[in-house]
Amino acid sequence: MKMLIAGDDPSLASQLCQVVETLGYEVLLASDSASALHSWRMDRPQLMLLGVALQGVSGIDLCRQIREDDSLGSDTPIIIVTAGSSEDEIIGGFVAGADDYVSRSFSASQLAARIRAVLRRRGLLDEDGLELAPRLTSWTQGAATEPCDFTGFLALVPAATAPAPVIPIRPEAWMPVVVRTEHQELHVRRRNLGCA
């Protein structure tokens, strides 16, 4: 799973990277709004951490731009990282479409909990680490990523969003199975023999 970190402060970006990498996610970095927008369009991260202070437009304005962009689907979860905890800044982030915010003085455990909560609310992560990528129709658990068709994806959604542990689902469970009655089997055999 990829996460985009966009901010103009290298020390803050480094702290955010450490937390995200500790959680086992691939990190994409952007130091300005233009490169963040480009990375969002090209790399399709599953979550964005946007600093309020960005070169170009602010993180809040970039969040608004992403939410208004219909070309790629603007449902990427966004967490705004604020330098302070001004109520106007926080409310502005939520109005622009942010899913959550953290102040710059975050603890690693708080940021990790907020990332997991946002992903869980969006249906992209469950407590056992099963991650779903709806646009990609694939599932990931640990280091393994497997594609699945729409039926398989629908079978995994309850498992990934259930509050209690569920029975693991094997990929073979949603493979199409052809079931024939004896009459149908006889018809197929006769047709194959040229007797039908």
Foldseek 3Di string as FASTA:
>chain_A
DEEEEEAQDPVLVVVVVVLCVVVPHHYHYHQALVVSVVCCVPVVGQEYEAEQDHPPHGSLVSLLVLCPDPPPHSPRAYEYEYQDPDVVVQVSSVVSPHPYYHYSPDDSVVVNVVVQVSCLVVLQAAPQGWGADVVQQWIDRDHDIGHADPQVSVVCSCCGNPNDHDDDDDRVVPDDDDDDDPVVVVVVVCVVVVND
